[in-house]
Amino acid sequence: MPSNLQQILAIEVPIMVRVAERTIRVDEFMSWVPGAIIELPKNADAELDLMVNNCAIGQGLAVKVGENFGIRITYIGDIQRRVAALNAEAAAASAADAEAEALAAQMLAGQ
């Protein structure tokens, strides 16, 4: 059993830091050009969401690390929530792929 645990703990998962979220109409999105500015409904100094597989597992503040951005974690969920986030992608991915393919087909058909 310990070797299985070591294999699981060695798996790499993508993390994301969500700055903000905004809903827009498709026609607005289609009018974007390089240089366009999209205003987000969040203060510049507000905490950011730390996400694994599109599941929020914590929050933090943006920091500069040398020439890179980073996040200083201010809150992290319990271990059960973090493990659940690892499993969430598999279930969501198949449903999201099917929805995205259907929407793309509609857009290409001009509907």
Protein backbone atom coordinates (compact mmCIF):
# COMPACT_ATOMS: atom_id res chain seq x y z
CA MET A 1 0.00 0.00 0.00
CA PRO A 2 2.76 2.56 0.76
CA SER A 3 4.10 2.25 -2.79
CA ASN A 4 0.63 3.07 -4.19
CA LEU A 5 0.46 6.13 -1.97
CA GLN A 6 3.89 7.25 -3.15
CA GLN A 7 2.77 6.90 -6.78
CA ILE A 8 -0.38 8.92 -6.11
CA LEU A 9 1.53 11.66 -4.31
CA ALA A 10 3.97 11.88 -7.25
CA ILE A 11 1.19 12.70 -9.76
CA GLU A 12 1.44 16.21 -11.17
CA VAL A 13 -1.77 18.25 -11.40
CA PRO A 14 -2.31 21.65 -13.00
CA ILE A 15 -3.07 24.57 -10.71
CA MET A 16 -4.66 27.84 -11.74
CA VAL A 17 -5.02 31.17 -10.04
CA ARG A 18 -8.34 32.80 -10.92
CA VAL A 19 -8.12 36.57 -10.93
CA ALA A 20 -11.84 37.15 -11.51
CA GLU A 21 -14.78 35.92 -13.51
CA ARG A 22 -17.22 37.76 -15.74
CA THR A 23 -20.09 36.69 -17.98
CA ILE A 24 -20.40 38.34 -21.40
CA ARG A 25 -22.46 37.92 -24.55
CA VAL A 26 -20.89 36.08 -27.49
CA ASP A 27 -21.15 39.17 -29.71
CA GLU A 28 -19.03 41.13 -27.22
CA PHE A 29 -16.43 38.36 -27.17
CA MET A 30 -16.35 38.25 -30.98
CA SER A 31 -15.61 41.98 -31.15
CA TRP A 32 -12.38 41.76 -29.12
CA VAL A 33 -9.16 42.84 -30.83
CA PRO A 34 -5.55 42.98 -29.62
CA GLY A 35 -5.26 45.82 -27.13
CA ALA A 36 -8.85 45.53 -25.89
CA ILE A 37 -9.26 45.91 -22.14
CA ILE A 38 -11.70 43.72 -20.28
CA GLU A 39 -12.82 45.09 -16.94
CA LEU A 40 -13.20 42.48 -14.23
CA PRO A 41 -15.51 42.85 -11.22
CA LYS A 42 -12.81 42.51 -8.58
CA ASN A 43 -10.59 44.96 -6.73
CA ALA A 44 -6.92 44.83 -7.67
CA ASP A 45 -5.91 43.99 -4.07
CA ALA A 46 -8.60 41.33 -3.49
CA GLU A 47 -7.68 37.73 -2.77
CA LEU A 48 -7.36 35.36 -5.73
CA ASP A 49 -8.79 31.85 -5.96
CA LEU A 50 -6.32 28.95 -5.98
CA MET A 51 -7.75 26.17 -8.11
CA VAL A 52 -6.94 22.54 -8.92
CA ASN A 53 -8.87 21.00 -11.81
CA ASN A 54 -11.28 23.96 -11.86
CA CYS A 55 -12.16 23.46 -8.18
CA ALA A 56 -11.33 26.23 -5.73
CA ILE A 57 -9.22 24.79 -2.92
CA GLY A 58 -7.84 27.98 -1.39
CA GLN A 59 -7.18 31.70 -1.67
CA GLY A 60 -4.17 33.95 -1.70
CA LEU A 61 -2.66 37.30 -2.56
CA ALA A 62 -0.72 38.11 -5.71
CA VAL A 63 2.99 38.62 -5.15
CA LYS A 64 5.99 39.32 -7.35
CA VAL A 65 8.78 36.73 -7.18
CA GLY A 66 11.75 38.14 -9.07
CA GLU A 67 10.34 38.77 -12.54
CA ASN A 68 7.47 36.28 -12.09
CA PHE A 69 4.06 36.37 -10.47
CA GLY A 70 3.24 34.19 -7.50
CA ILE A 71 0.52 33.68 -4.92
CA ARG A 72 0.92 33.85 -1.15
CA ILE A 73 -1.61 31.36 0.21
CA THR A 74 -3.85 32.86 2.90
CA TYR A 75 -6.36 29.99 3.10
CA ILE A 76 -6.22 26.36 2.02
CA GLY A 77 -9.14 23.93 2.28
CA ASP A 78 -9.03 20.69 4.20
CA ILE A 79 -7.44 17.57 2.76
CA GLN A 80 -10.78 16.00 1.76
CA ARG A 81 -11.63 19.02 -0.42
CA ARG A 82 -8.21 18.91 -2.08
CA VAL A 83 -8.49 15.19 -2.84
CA ALA A 84 -12.03 15.71 -4.20
CA ALA A 85 -10.65 18.37 -6.55
CA LEU A 86 -8.26 15.82 -8.01
CA ASN A 87 -11.17 13.55 -8.93
CA ALA A 88 -13.48 16.32 -10.18
CA GLU A 89 -11.68 16.78 -13.50
CA ALA A 90 -12.37 13.28 -14.75
CA ALA A 91 -16.13 13.63 -14.27
CA ALA A 92 -16.32 17.19 -15.57
CA ALA A 93 -14.02 16.69 -18.54
CA SER A 94 -16.21 14.24 -20.43
CA ALA A 95 -19.36 16.35 -19.95
CA ALA A 96 -17.55 19.58 -20.84
CA ASP A 97 -16.01 18.06 -23.96
CA ALA A 98 -19.41 16.95 -25.23
CA GLU A 99 -20.94 20.38 -24.56
CA ALA A 100 -18.04 22.19 -26.22
CA GLU A 101 -18.23 19.99 -29.32
CA ALA A 102 -21.99 20.59 -29.64
CA LEU A 103 -21.58 24.35 -29.27
CA ALA A 104 -18.73 24.45 -31.80
CA ALA A 105 -20.83 22.49 -34.29
CA GLN A 106 -23.72 24.94 -33.84
CA MET A 107 -21.45 27.97 -34.31
CA LEU A 108 -19.89 26.47 -37.45
CA ALA A 109 -23.38 25.73 -38.81
CA GLY A 110 -24.32 29.38 -38.26
CA GLN A 111 -26.97 28.68 -35.64
